[in-house]
Protein backbone atom coordinates (compact mmCIF):
# COMPACT_ATOMS: atom_id res chain seq x y z
CA UNK A 1 -7.98 -19.95 -4.47
CA UNK A 2 -7.26 -16.84 -6.47
CA UNK A 3 -3.65 -17.85 -7.23
CA UNK A 4 -4.62 -21.34 -8.41
CA UNK A 5 -7.52 -19.90 -10.37
CA UNK A 6 -5.10 -17.72 -12.31
CA UNK A 7 -3.04 -20.78 -13.30
CA UNK A 8 -5.96 -22.49 -15.02
CA UNK A 9 -7.32 -21.27 -18.39
CA UNK A 10 -10.90 -21.27 -17.09
CA UNK A 11 -9.99 -20.81 -13.45
CA UNK A 12 -10.43 -17.05 -13.48
CA UNK A 13 -14.10 -17.34 -14.41
CA UNK A 14 -14.65 -19.89 -11.63
CA UNK A 15 -12.97 -17.60 -9.09
CA UNK A 16 -15.09 -14.66 -10.26
CA UNK A 17 -18.22 -16.80 -9.93
CA UNK A 18 -17.18 -17.85 -6.43
CA UNK A 19 -16.50 -14.28 -5.32
CA UNK A 20 -19.44 -12.53 -6.96
CA UNK A 21 -21.98 -15.33 -7.31
CA UNK A 22 -24.20 -16.09 -10.24
CA UNK A 23 -27.62 -15.24 -8.85
CA UNK A 24 -29.09 -14.76 -12.33
CA UNK A 25 -27.83 -18.18 -13.37
CA UNK A 26 -29.39 -20.08 -10.48
CA UNK A 27 -30.71 -23.42 -11.71
CA UNK A 28 -33.61 -25.53 -10.50
CA UNK A 29 -31.46 -27.55 -8.09
CA UNK A 30 -30.03 -24.41 -6.46
CA UNK A 31 -33.50 -22.90 -6.24
CA UNK A 32 -34.82 -26.04 -4.53
CA UNK A 33 -31.90 -25.89 -2.08
CA UNK A 34 -32.58 -22.23 -1.32
CA UNK A 35 -36.28 -22.89 -0.74
CA UNK A 36 -35.59 -25.91 1.49
CA UNK A 37 -33.06 -24.04 3.63
CA UNK A 38 -35.29 -20.95 3.76
CA UNK A 39 -38.31 -22.97 4.90
CA UNK A 40 -36.25 -24.83 7.50
CA UNK A 41 -34.75 -21.61 8.88
CA UNK A 42 -38.12 -19.81 8.93
CA UNK A 43 -39.92 -22.70 10.63
CA UNK A 44 -37.23 -22.99 13.30
CA UNK A 45 -37.16 -19.21 13.83
CA UNK A 46 -40.94 -19.08 14.17
CA UNK A 47 -41.05 -22.14 16.41
CA UNK A 48 -38.32 -21.00 18.79
CA UNK A 49 -38.51 -17.23 18.33
CA UNK A 50 -38.78 -16.31 22.01
CA UNK A 51 -36.09 -18.71 23.18
CA UNK A 52 -33.63 -17.67 20.47
CA UNK A 53 -34.12 -13.96 21.19
CA UNK A 54 -33.82 -14.58 24.93
CA UNK A 55 -30.62 -16.61 24.63
CA UNK A 56 -29.04 -14.21 22.17
CA UNK A 57 -29.64 -11.19 24.42
CA UNK A 58 -29.34 -12.58 27.95
CA UNK A 59 -27.90 -16.07 28.34
CA UNK A 60 -27.82 -15.91 32.15
CA UNK A 61 -31.51 -14.98 32.39
CA UNK A 62 -32.36 -17.88 30.07
CA UNK A 63 -30.46 -20.22 32.40
CA UNK A 64 -32.33 -18.80 35.42
CA UNK A 65 -35.61 -19.51 33.62
CA UNK A 66 -34.48 -23.11 33.10
CA UNK A 67 -34.02 -22.86 29.33
CA UNK A 68 -31.31 -25.05 27.74
CA UNK A 69 -29.25 -22.03 26.68
CA UNK A 70 -26.45 -24.02 25.07
CA UNK A 71 -28.88 -25.91 22.82
CA UNK A 72 -30.54 -22.70 21.66
CA UNK A 73 -27.18 -21.03 21.08
CA UNK A 74 -26.08 -23.99 18.97
CA UNK A 75 -29.38 -23.87 17.08
CA UNK A 76 -28.90 -20.16 16.39
CA UNK A 77 -25.36 -20.80 15.16
CA UNK A 78 -26.63 -23.62 12.93
CA UNK A 79 -29.26 -21.34 11.38
CA UNK A 80 -26.66 -18.63 10.73
CA UNK A 81 -24.25 -21.17 9.27
CA UNK A 82 -26.87 -22.61 6.92
CA UNK A 83 -27.91 -19.16 5.76
CA UNK A 84 -24.35 -17.97 5.13
CA UNK A 85 -23.19 -21.23 3.50
CA UNK A 86 -26.08 -21.46 1.05
CA UNK A 87 -26.04 -17.71 0.40
CA UNK A 88 -22.31 -17.59 -0.25
CA UNK A 89 -22.41 -20.45 -2.71
CA UNK A 90 -25.42 -19.17 -4.64
CA UNK A 91 -25.30 -15.35 -4.52
CA UNK A 92 -21.67 -14.80 -3.53
CA UNK A 93 -20.17 -13.10 -0.48
CA UNK A 94 -20.53 -9.57 -1.87
CA UNK A 95 -24.29 -9.71 -2.25
CA UNK A 96 -24.67 -11.80 0.89
CA UNK A 97 -22.88 -9.10 2.88
CA UNK A 98 -25.09 -6.47 1.28
CA UNK A 99 -28.24 -8.32 2.30
CA UNK A 100 -27.27 -9.65 5.75
CA UNK A 101 -25.35 -6.73 7.21
CA UNK A 102 -26.39 -3.47 5.57
CA UNK A 103 -30.23 -3.63 5.97
CA UNK A 104 -30.04 -4.12 9.76
CA UNK A 105 -27.54 -1.24 9.96
CA UNK A 106 -29.94 0.93 7.97
CA UNK A 107 -32.95 -0.03 10.12
CA UNK A 108 -31.34 0.32 13.55
CA UNK A 109 -31.50 4.13 13.93
CA UNK A 110 -35.22 4.17 13.14
CA UNK A 111 -36.47 1.13 15.08
CA UNK A 112 -37.97 1.54 18.54
CA UNK A 113 -38.59 -2.15 19.26
CA UNK A 114 -37.22 -5.51 18.15
CA UNK A 115 -40.28 -6.33 16.05
CA UNK A 116 -40.08 -2.92 14.38
CA UNK A 117 -36.35 -3.49 13.80
CA UNK A 118 -36.99 -6.87 12.13
CA UNK A 119 -39.74 -5.41 9.95
CA UNK A 120 -37.65 -2.38 8.91
CA UNK A 121 -34.55 -4.48 8.18
CA UNK A 122 -36.61 -6.85 6.03
CA UNK A 123 -38.20 -3.92 4.21
CA UNK A 124 -34.79 -2.36 3.53
CA UNK A 125 -33.51 -5.72 2.23
CA UNK A 126 -36.46 -6.17 -0.14
CA UNK A 127 -36.18 -2.54 -1.28
CA UNK A 128 -32.44 -3.05 -1.89
CA UNK A 129 -33.15 -6.00 -4.16
CA UNK A 130 -35.90 -4.11 -6.02
CA UNK A 131 -33.67 -1.06 -6.51
CA UNK A 132 -30.71 -3.26 -7.40
CA UNK A 133 -32.70 -5.11 -10.07
CA UNK A 134 -33.84 -1.81 -11.55
CA UNK A 135 -30.35 -0.31 -11.47
CA UNK A 136 -28.81 -3.45 -12.93
CA UNK A 137 -31.32 -3.59 -15.76
CA UNK A 138 -31.34 0.13 -16.59
CA UNK A 139 -27.57 0.73 -16.42
CA UNK A 140 -26.43 -2.76 -17.53
CA UNK A 141 -24.49 -3.30 -14.29
CA UNK A 142 -23.73 -6.52 -12.38
CA UNK A 143 -26.73 -7.60 -10.33
CA UNK A 144 -24.97 -8.32 -7.02
CA UNK A 145 -23.00 -5.08 -7.00
CA UNK A 146 -26.17 -3.13 -7.88
CA UNK A 147 -28.01 -4.64 -4.92
CA UNK A 148 -25.14 -3.76 -2.57
CA UNK A 149 -25.00 -0.20 -3.97
CA UNK A 150 -28.76 0.20 -3.49
CA UNK A 151 -28.42 -1.16 0.03
CA UNK A 152 -25.67 1.38 0.75
CA UNK A 153 -27.86 4.22 -0.55
CA UNK A 154 -30.65 3.10 1.80
CA UNK A 155 -28.13 3.13 4.66
CA UNK A 156 -27.33 6.83 4.19
CA UNK A 157 -30.42 8.33 5.96
CA UNK A 158 -29.54 6.43 9.13
CA UNK A 159 -26.05 7.93 9.10
CA UNK A 160 -27.38 11.49 9.25
CA UNK A 161 -27.36 13.22 12.64
CA UNK A 162 -30.69 13.00 14.48
CA UNK A 163 -31.47 16.68 13.97
CA UNK A 164 -31.06 16.34 10.19
CA UNK A 165 -33.50 13.39 10.02
């Protein structure tokens, strides 16, 4: 993609948009798509929360309980695929990585249960976006990179040794 993008006069800007996303230029159609996918993913997660957690942690136990493990695994993969596909197209892989991977890494050392882990990871993600917006606006930096940088800063306390925390 990058090589062919360099050959076209406007290709470089399209490649940059693909790699870094244009979250500030999201139109009404993209916003509707995001909301539809978000609602679908949230409703499915809420509706099958216990089964999805069970299958993702202990497939054999789910089978012993008589749960259709393969169906729930496929459903979980579908939800992940939808989230990543829509996120990559709209916000770009850089920001998507910063919001899907880094907040759970930051929350893990401090969480004592799964529900606490989910809540902390969500809080870190929202805080990353808030800090990223502020940093982007104040320093005139790219939005996506600012969110990832803020996310990385919030990851640092979890990397400290336990005695230092």
